[in-house]
C-alpha atoms as a PDB file:
ATOM      1  CA  MET A   1    -155.740 118.781 129.610  1.00  0.00           C
ATOM      2  CA  THR A   2    -152.684 120.819 130.201  1.00  0.00           C
ATOM      3  CA  SER A   3    -149.338 119.418 129.003  1.00  0.00           C
ATOM      4  CA  SER A   4    -146.143 120.464 130.929  1.00  0.00           C
ATOM      5  CA  THR A   5    -142.686 120.098 129.355  1.00  0.00           C
ATOM      6  CA  THR A   6    -139.542 120.083 131.569  1.00  0.00           C
ATOM      7  CA  SER A   7    -136.333 121.143 129.888  1.00  0.00           C
ATOM      8  CA  SER A   8    -133.045 119.884 131.403  1.00  0.00           C
ATOM      9  CA  SER A   9    -129.856 121.873 130.697  1.00  0.00           C
ATOM     10  CA  THR A  10    -126.388 120.420 131.173  1.00  0.00           C
ATOM     11  CA  THR A  11    -123.418 122.764 131.652  1.00  0.00           C
ATOM     12  CA  THR A  12    -119.955 121.486 130.885  1.00  0.00           C
ATOM     13  CA  SER A  13    -117.106 123.246 132.641  1.00  0.00           C
ATOM     14  CA  SER A  14    -113.699 122.943 131.060  1.00  0.00           C
ATOM     15  CA  THR A  15    -110.634 123.555 133.292  1.00  0.00           C
ATOM     16  CA  THR A  16    -107.265 124.276 131.686  1.00  0.00           C
ATOM     17  CA  SER A  17    -104.225 123.350 133.778  1.00  0.00           C
ATOM     18  CA  THR A  18    -100.962 125.077 132.957  1.00  0.00           C
ATOM     19  CA  THR A  19     -97.705 123.524 134.130  1.00  0.00           C
ATOM     20  CA  THR A  20     -94.683 125.801 134.363  1.00  0.00           C
ATOM     21  CA  THR A  21     -91.248 124.181 134.282  1.00  0.00           C
ATOM     22  CA  SER A  22     -88.463 126.153 135.880  1.00  0.00           C
ATOM     23  CA  THR A  23     -84.916 125.331 134.879  1.00  0.00           C
ATOM     24  CA  THR A  24     -82.164 126.241 137.329  1.00  0.00           C
ATOM     25  CA  THR A  25     -78.577 126.385 136.080  1.00  0.00           C
ATOM     26  CA  THR A  26     -75.898 125.871 138.699  1.00  0.00           C
ATOM     27  CA  THR A  27     -72.394 127.108 137.937  1.00  0.00           C
ATOM     28  CA  THR A  28     -69.558 125.588 139.907  1.00  0.00           C
ATOM     29  CA  SER A  29     -66.365 127.622 140.169  1.00  0.00           C
ATOM     30  CA  THR A  30     -63.178 125.735 140.929  1.00  0.00           C
ATOM     31  CA  THR A  31     -60.173 127.616 142.286  1.00  0.00           C
ATOM     32  CA  THR A  32     -56.797 125.976 142.036  1.00  0.00           C
ATOM     33  CA  SER A  33     -54.392 127.008 144.746  1.00  0.00           C
ATOM     34  CA  VAL A  34     -50.684 126.518 144.207  1.00  0.00           C
ATOM     35  CA  THR A  35     -48.878 125.947 147.470  1.00  0.00           C
ATOM     36  CA  THR A  36     -45.124 126.358 147.738  1.00  0.00           C
ATOM     37  CA  THR A  37     -43.495 124.509 150.597  1.00  0.00           C
ATOM     38  CA  ALA A  38     -40.986 126.892 152.107  1.00  0.00           C
ATOM     39  CA  ALA A  39     -37.561 125.601 153.072  1.00  0.00           C
ATOM     40  CA  PHE A  40     -37.665 126.898 156.620  1.00  0.00           C
ATOM     41  CA  ASN A  41     -35.331 125.781 159.405  1.00  0.00           C
ATOM     42  CA  ILE A  42     -32.985 123.773 157.197  1.00  0.00           C
ATOM     43  CA  ASN A  43     -29.421 124.640 156.229  1.00  0.00           C
ATOM     44  CA  LEU A  44     -29.365 125.957 152.652  1.00  0.00           C
ATOM     45  CA  VAL A  45     -25.557 125.910 152.369  1.00  0.00           C
ATOM     46  CA  THR A  46     -24.075 123.071 150.331  1.00  0.00           C
ATOM     47  CA  ASN A  47     -21.169 121.361 152.101  1.00  0.00           C
ATOM     48  CA  GLY A  48     -20.989 123.910 154.875  1.00  0.00           C
ATOM     49  CA  ASP A  49     -19.422 121.278 157.115  1.00  0.00           C
ATOM     50  CA  ALA A  50     -16.569 120.216 154.759  1.00  0.00           C
ATOM     51  CA  GLU A  51     -17.841 116.637 154.850  1.00  0.00           C
ATOM     52  CA  THR A  52     -18.744 116.288 151.141  1.00  0.00           C
ATOM     53  CA  GLY A  53     -15.979 114.764 149.037  1.00  0.00           C
ATOM     54  CA  SER A  54     -12.498 113.908 150.223  1.00  0.00           C
ATOM     55  CA  CYS A  55     -10.477 115.769 152.846  1.00  0.00           C
ATOM     56  CA  GLN A  56      -6.776 116.502 152.802  1.00  0.00           C
ATOM     57  CA  VAL A  57      -4.843 114.041 154.971  1.00  0.00           C
ATOM     58  CA  SER A  58      -1.332 115.395 154.371  1.00  0.00           C
ATOM     59  CA  GLY A  59       0.089 118.702 153.119  1.00  0.00           C
ATOM     60  CA  GLY A  60      -1.654 119.119 149.771  1.00  0.00           C
ATOM     61  CA  VAL A  61      -4.627 121.150 148.595  1.00  0.00           C
ATOM     62  CA  THR A  62      -8.132 119.673 148.509  1.00  0.00           C
ATOM     63  CA  SER A  63     -10.517 122.251 147.088  1.00  0.00           C
ATOM     64  CA  PRO A  64     -13.965 122.499 148.707  1.00  0.00           C
ATOM     65  CA  VAL A  65     -16.762 120.574 146.985  1.00  0.00           C
ATOM     66  CA  GLY A  66     -19.898 122.590 146.144  1.00  0.00           C
ATOM     67  CA  TRP A  67     -18.147 125.949 146.380  1.00  0.00           C
ATOM     68  CA  ASN A  68     -16.505 128.345 143.953  1.00  0.00           C
ATOM     69  CA  TYR A  69     -13.055 129.197 145.260  1.00  0.00           C
ATOM     70  CA  ASN A  70     -10.054 131.456 144.795  1.00  0.00           C
ATOM     71  CA  GLY A  71      -6.683 130.249 146.031  1.00  0.00           C
ATOM     72  CA  PRO A  72      -5.748 127.104 147.955  1.00  0.00           C
ATOM     73  CA  ILE A  73      -8.561 127.064 150.534  1.00  0.00           C
ATOM     74  CA  THR A  74      -8.674 123.432 151.628  1.00  0.00           C
ATOM     75  CA  GLN A  75     -11.022 121.044 153.362  1.00  0.00           C
ATOM     76  CA  VAL A  76      -8.698 119.189 155.690  1.00  0.00           C
ATOM     77  CA  ILE A  77      -9.110 116.363 158.156  1.00  0.00           C
ATOM     78  CA  TYR A  78      -8.936 117.046 161.880  1.00  0.00           C
ATOM     79  CA  ASN A  79      -5.713 115.833 163.539  1.00  0.00           C
ATOM     80  CA  ASN A  80      -3.764 116.210 160.288  1.00  0.00           C
ATOM     81  CA  PRO A  81      -0.088 115.917 161.342  1.00  0.00           C
ATOM     82  CA  THR A  82       1.176 117.862 158.297  1.00  0.00           C
ATOM     83  CA  SER A  83      -1.175 120.803 157.712  1.00  0.00           C
ATOM     84  CA  GLY A  84      -4.024 122.549 159.438  1.00  0.00           C
ATOM     85  CA  CYS A  85      -4.070 123.319 163.123  1.00  0.00           C
ATOM     86  CA  MET A  86      -7.246 121.795 164.517  1.00  0.00           C
ATOM     87  CA  ALA A  87      -7.555 118.583 166.497  1.00  0.00           C
ATOM     88  CA  SER A  88     -10.881 116.892 167.078  1.00  0.00           C
ATOM     89  CA  SER A  89     -10.350 117.444 170.807  1.00  0.00           C
ATOM     90  CA  ASP A  90      -9.960 121.231 170.474  1.00  0.00           C
ATOM     91  CA  PRO A  91     -12.914 123.336 171.678  1.00  0.00           C
ATOM     92  CA  GLY A  92     -15.513 123.681 168.940  1.00  0.00           C
ATOM     93  CA  PRO A  93     -18.685 122.157 167.516  1.00  0.00           C
ATOM     94  CA  SER A  94     -19.895 118.918 169.066  1.00  0.00           C
ATOM     95  CA  ASP A  95     -21.063 117.677 165.653  1.00  0.00           C
ATOM     96  CA  ARG A  96     -17.893 118.693 163.821  1.00  0.00           C
ATOM     97  CA  GLY A  97     -17.519 115.527 161.746  1.00  0.00           C
ATOM     98  CA  GLN A  98     -14.149 114.613 160.254  1.00  0.00           C
ATOM     99  CA  CYS A  99     -13.110 117.774 158.376  1.00  0.00           C
ATOM    100  CA  TYR A 100     -13.072 121.578 158.335  1.00  0.00           C
ATOM    101  CA  PHE A 101     -11.893 124.419 156.050  1.00  0.00           C
ATOM    102  CA  TYR A 102      -8.572 126.228 156.452  1.00  0.00           C
ATOM    103  CA  GLY A 103      -6.373 128.656 154.496  1.00  0.00           C
ATOM    104  CA  GLN A 104      -3.404 126.441 153.513  1.00  0.00           C
ATOM    105  CA  GLN A 105      -0.363 128.374 152.229  1.00  0.00           C
ATOM    106  CA  SER A 106      -1.862 131.750 151.328  1.00  0.00           C
ATOM    107  CA  THR A 107      -2.050 135.383 152.309  1.00  0.00           C
ATOM    108  CA  SER A 108      -5.782 135.335 151.634  1.00  0.00           C
ATOM    109  CA  THR A 109      -8.040 132.707 150.110  1.00  0.00           C
ATOM    110  CA  SER A 110     -11.798 132.490 149.676  1.00  0.00           C
ATOM    111  CA  MET A 111     -14.796 130.427 148.631  1.00  0.00           C
ATOM    112  CA  TRP A 112     -18.401 131.290 147.845  1.00  0.00           C
ATOM    113  CA  GLN A 113     -21.702 129.867 146.637  1.00  0.00           C
ATOM    114  CA  THR A 114     -24.967 131.396 145.416  1.00  0.00           C
ATOM    115  CA  ILE A 115     -28.352 130.042 146.494  1.00  0.00           C
ATOM    116  CA  ASN A 116     -31.515 130.657 144.438  1.00  0.00           C
ATOM    117  CA  LEU A 117     -34.155 131.772 146.931  1.00  0.00           C
ATOM    118  CA  ILE A 118     -37.036 131.293 144.470  1.00  0.00           C
ATOM    119  CA  ASN A 119     -36.463 127.549 144.779  1.00  0.00           C
ATOM    120  CA  GLU A 120     -36.710 127.755 148.559  1.00  0.00           C
ATOM    121  CA  VAL A 121     -39.483 130.204 149.490  1.00  0.00           C
ATOM    122  CA  SER A 122     -42.287 132.185 147.858  1.00  0.00           C
ATOM    123  CA  PRO A 123     -41.192 135.658 146.673  1.00  0.00           C
ATOM    124  CA  LEU A 124     -44.451 136.995 148.137  1.00  0.00           C
ATOM    125  CA  LEU A 125     -43.293 136.065 151.621  1.00  0.00           C
ATOM    126  CA  ILE A 126     -39.953 137.766 151.036  1.00  0.00           C
ATOM    127  CA  ASP A 127     -41.536 140.938 149.656  1.00  0.00           C
ATOM    128  CA  ASN A 128     -43.941 141.066 152.608  1.00  0.00           C
ATOM    129  CA  GLN A 129     -40.856 141.013 154.837  1.00  0.00           C
ATOM    130  CA  SER A 130     -42.034 137.953 156.711  1.00  0.00           C
ATOM    131  CA  VAL A 131     -38.890 135.857 156.150  1.00  0.00           C
ATOM    132  CA  LYS A 132     -35.805 136.078 158.357  1.00  0.00           C
ATOM    133  CA  PHE A 133     -32.401 134.449 158.006  1.00  0.00           C
ATOM    134  CA  ASN A 134     -29.768 133.245 160.454  1.00  0.00           C
ATOM    135  CA  LEU A 135     -26.118 133.064 159.396  1.00  0.00           C
ATOM    136  CA  SER A 136     -23.851 130.974 161.612  1.00  0.00           C
ATOM    137  CA  ALA A 137     -20.471 129.240 161.658  1.00  0.00           C
ATOM    138  CA  TRP A 138     -17.733 128.058 163.974  1.00  0.00           C
ATOM    139  CA  ILE A 139     -14.724 130.318 163.398  1.00  0.00           C
ATOM    140  CA  GLY A 140     -11.265 129.786 164.839  1.00  0.00           C
ATOM    141  CA  GLY A 141      -7.495 129.840 164.617  1.00  0.00           C
ATOM    142  CA  TYR A 142      -4.201 128.718 166.050  1.00  0.00           C
ATOM    143  CA  ILE A 143      -2.940 129.607 169.559  1.00  0.00           C
ATOM    144  CA  ASN A 144      -1.779 133.273 169.665  1.00  0.00           C
ATOM    145  CA  GLN A 145      -1.888 133.905 165.897  1.00  0.00           C
ATOM    146  CA  ASP A 146      -4.464 136.259 164.397  1.00  0.00           C
ATOM    147  CA  ASP A 147      -5.117 134.368 161.167  1.00  0.00           C
ATOM    148  CA  THR A 148      -8.839 134.832 160.742  1.00  0.00           C
ATOM    149  CA  ALA A 149     -12.007 133.806 158.936  1.00  0.00           C
ATOM    150  CA  VAL A 150     -14.967 135.986 157.966  1.00  0.00           C
ATOM    151  CA  VAL A 151     -18.273 134.600 156.666  1.00  0.00           C
ATOM    152  CA  SER A 152     -20.727 136.961 154.999  1.00  0.00           C
ATOM    153  CA  VAL A 153     -24.032 136.816 153.146  1.00  0.00           C
ATOM    154  CA  THR A 154     -25.349 139.213 150.502  1.00  0.00           C
ATOM    155  CA  PHE A 155     -28.663 139.317 148.619  1.00  0.00           C
ATOM    156  CA  ASN A 156     -29.391 140.107 144.967  1.00  0.00           C
ATOM    157  CA  ASP A 157     -32.665 140.946 143.222  1.00  0.00           C
ATOM    158  CA  ALA A 158     -33.997 139.535 139.935  1.00  0.00           C
ATOM    159  CA  ASN A 159     -31.669 141.874 138.007  1.00  0.00           C
ATOM    160  CA  ASN A 160     -28.656 140.568 139.936  1.00  0.00           C
ATOM    161  CA  THR A 161     -28.326 143.893 141.738  1.00  0.00           C
ATOM    162  CA  MET A 162     -27.442 143.817 145.402  1.00  0.00           C
ATOM    163  CA  THR A 163     -30.322 144.581 147.745  1.00  0.00           C
ATOM    164  CA  GLY A 164     -30.150 145.109 151.483  1.00  0.00           C
ATOM    165  CA  ASN A 165     -26.952 145.076 153.529  1.00  0.00           C
ATOM    166  CA  ILE A 166     -23.957 142.764 153.902  1.00  0.00           C
ATOM    167  CA  THR A 167     -24.232 140.603 157.012  1.00  0.00           C
ATOM    168  CA  SER A 168     -20.938 139.220 158.357  1.00  0.00           C
ATOM    169  CA  ILE A 169     -19.683 137.097 161.242  1.00  0.00           C
ATOM    170  CA  GLY A 170     -16.064 136.991 162.363  1.00  0.00           C
ATOM    171  CA  PRO A 171     -13.220 137.577 162.528  1.00  0.00           C
ATOM    172  CA  VAL A 172     -12.275 135.772 165.723  1.00  0.00           C
ATOM    173  CA  TYR A 173      -8.886 136.906 167.038  1.00  0.00           C
ATOM    174  CA  ALA A 174      -6.467 135.190 169.405  1.00  0.00           C
ATOM    175  CA  VAL A 175      -7.659 137.374 172.274  1.00  0.00           C
ATOM    176  CA  ASP A 176     -11.219 136.150 171.666  1.00  0.00           C
ATOM    177  CA  ARG A 177      -9.971 132.565 171.941  1.00  0.00           C
ATOM    178  CA  SER A 178      -7.768 133.294 174.980  1.00  0.00           C
ATOM    179  CA  SER A 179      -4.856 132.269 172.700  1.00  0.00           C
ATOM    180  CA  ILE A 180      -6.189 128.708 172.641  1.00  0.00           C
ATOM    181  CA  THR A 181      -6.446 126.765 169.384  1.00  0.00           C
ATOM    182  CA  SER A 182     -10.215 126.524 169.114  1.00  0.00           C
ATOM    183  CA  PHE A 183     -13.430 127.380 167.306  1.00  0.00           C
ATOM    184  CA  ILE A 184     -15.921 129.935 168.626  1.00  0.00           C
ATOM    185  CA  PHE A 185     -19.557 129.952 167.526  1.00  0.00           C
ATOM    186  CA  GLN A 186     -20.649 133.104 165.689  1.00  0.00           C
ATOM    187  CA  GLN A 187     -24.078 134.057 164.345  1.00  0.00           C
ATOM    188  CA  ALA A 188     -26.117 136.978 163.009  1.00  0.00           C
ATOM    189  CA  ASN A 189     -29.712 137.339 161.835  1.00  0.00           C
ATOM    190  CA  ASP A 190     -31.953 139.800 160.035  1.00  0.00           C
ATOM    191  CA  PHE A 191     -34.880 139.993 157.610  1.00  0.00           C
ATOM    192  CA  VAL A 192     -34.369 138.816 154.042  1.00  0.00           C
ATOM    193  CA  PRO A 193     -34.542 142.157 152.170  1.00  0.00           C
ATOM    194  CA  ILE A 194     -37.493 143.030 149.921  1.00  0.00           C
ATOM    195  CA  GLY A 195     -36.845 141.998 146.324  1.00  0.00           C
ATOM    196  CA  ALA A 196     -34.212 139.391 147.184  1.00  0.00           C
ATOM    197  CA  ARG A 197     -34.186 136.437 144.794  1.00  0.00           C
ATOM    198  CA  ALA A 198     -30.733 134.976 145.484  1.00  0.00           C
ATOM    199  CA  MET A 199     -28.136 135.053 148.234  1.00  0.00           C
ATOM    200  CA  THR A 200     -24.381 134.511 148.163  1.00  0.00           C
ATOM    201  CA  VAL A 201     -22.414 133.085 151.076  1.00  0.00           C
ATOM    202  CA  PHE A 202     -18.778 134.256 150.999  1.00  0.00           C
ATOM    203  CA  VAL A 203     -15.917 132.955 153.164  1.00  0.00           C
ATOM    204  CA  THR A 204     -12.528 134.696 153.392  1.00  0.00           C
ATOM    205  CA  LEU A 205      -9.543 133.282 155.287  1.00  0.00           C
ATOM    206  CA  THR A 206      -6.701 135.745 155.927  1.00  0.00           C
ATOM    207  CA  ARG A 207      -3.174 135.172 157.218  1.00  0.00           C
ATOM    208  CA  SER A 208      -1.759 137.544 159.822  1.00  0.00           C
ATOM    209  CA  GLN A 209       1.571 135.893 160.591  1.00  0.00           C
ATOM    210  CA  GLY A 210       3.548 132.729 160.066  1.00  0.00           C
ATOM    211  CA  ALA A 211       4.068 130.690 156.912  1.00  0.00           C
ATOM    212  CA  GLY A 212       0.646 129.084 156.746  1.00  0.00           C
ATOM    213  CA  ASN A 213      -2.842 130.561 156.832  1.00  0.00           C
ATOM    214  CA  GLN A 214      -4.467 128.999 159.883  1.00  0.00           C
ATOM    215  CA  GLY A 215      -7.757 130.849 159.538  1.00  0.00           C
ATOM    216  CA  SER A 216     -10.310 128.071 160.051  1.00  0.00           C
ATOM    217  CA  VAL A 217     -14.065 127.596 159.801  1.00  0.00           C
ATOM    218  CA  ASP A 218     -16.571 124.756 160.141  1.00  0.00           C
ATOM    219  CA  ASP A 219     -20.323 124.135 160.132  1.00  0.00           C
ATOM    220  CA  ILE A 220     -21.318 127.133 157.973  1.00  0.00           C
ATOM    221  CA  ALA A 221     -25.096 127.504 157.838  1.00  0.00           C
ATOM    222  CA  VAL A 222     -27.816 129.838 156.578  1.00  0.00           C
ATOM    223  CA  ILE A 223     -31.339 129.065 157.767  1.00  0.00           C
ATOM    224  CA  LEU A 224     -34.582 130.812 156.766  1.00  0.00           C
ATOM    225  CA  TYR A 225     -37.390 131.120 159.290  1.00  0.00           C
ATOM    226  CA  GLN A 226     -40.486 133.155 160.199  1.00  0.00           C
END
């Protein structure tokens, strides 16, 4: 008798699973932008219309509010029976208000104010020469007299050194007014010069004849624009 033996073999397969974890780091960059709102198309002159504070109603001196001044330059009411020459019905600005500036009893008298441009517009815009200015005023006098007013603007840099040119409007002579007591609108414009950080508005009233200085001005304005 033949004996047969069957051998059974079991194979065990072992599988190793490897898990890879990938970590991604995200960096968020935040940029803060500082925006300066430019003071475009608004009048930067303080009390350019002589309406701030009181106005002279007789023959005295009322110094202009908001301005530095030299001499008796006066903000005076229209239709003053004692001093000044302008009536509210004389040709001039339609929005003239109650008062204007005139020279009182003087050979020459002046007023001025300085405006910090850094508070009004970005220096980068100025230095890129993308900012313009417009200087304007109503300038006048009395009948056939040549008492006059001149309004000018100058610019200074951060070292208080003048930069650019002087821009002026006026004078307006009797011949320009056809010897009529009146105001005539005057204006000039240009680019704000590179490096400008402040501007000064200067008004000079000069007597030509007579006892009083009838050089007159109203609605003085400087506007920045692009």
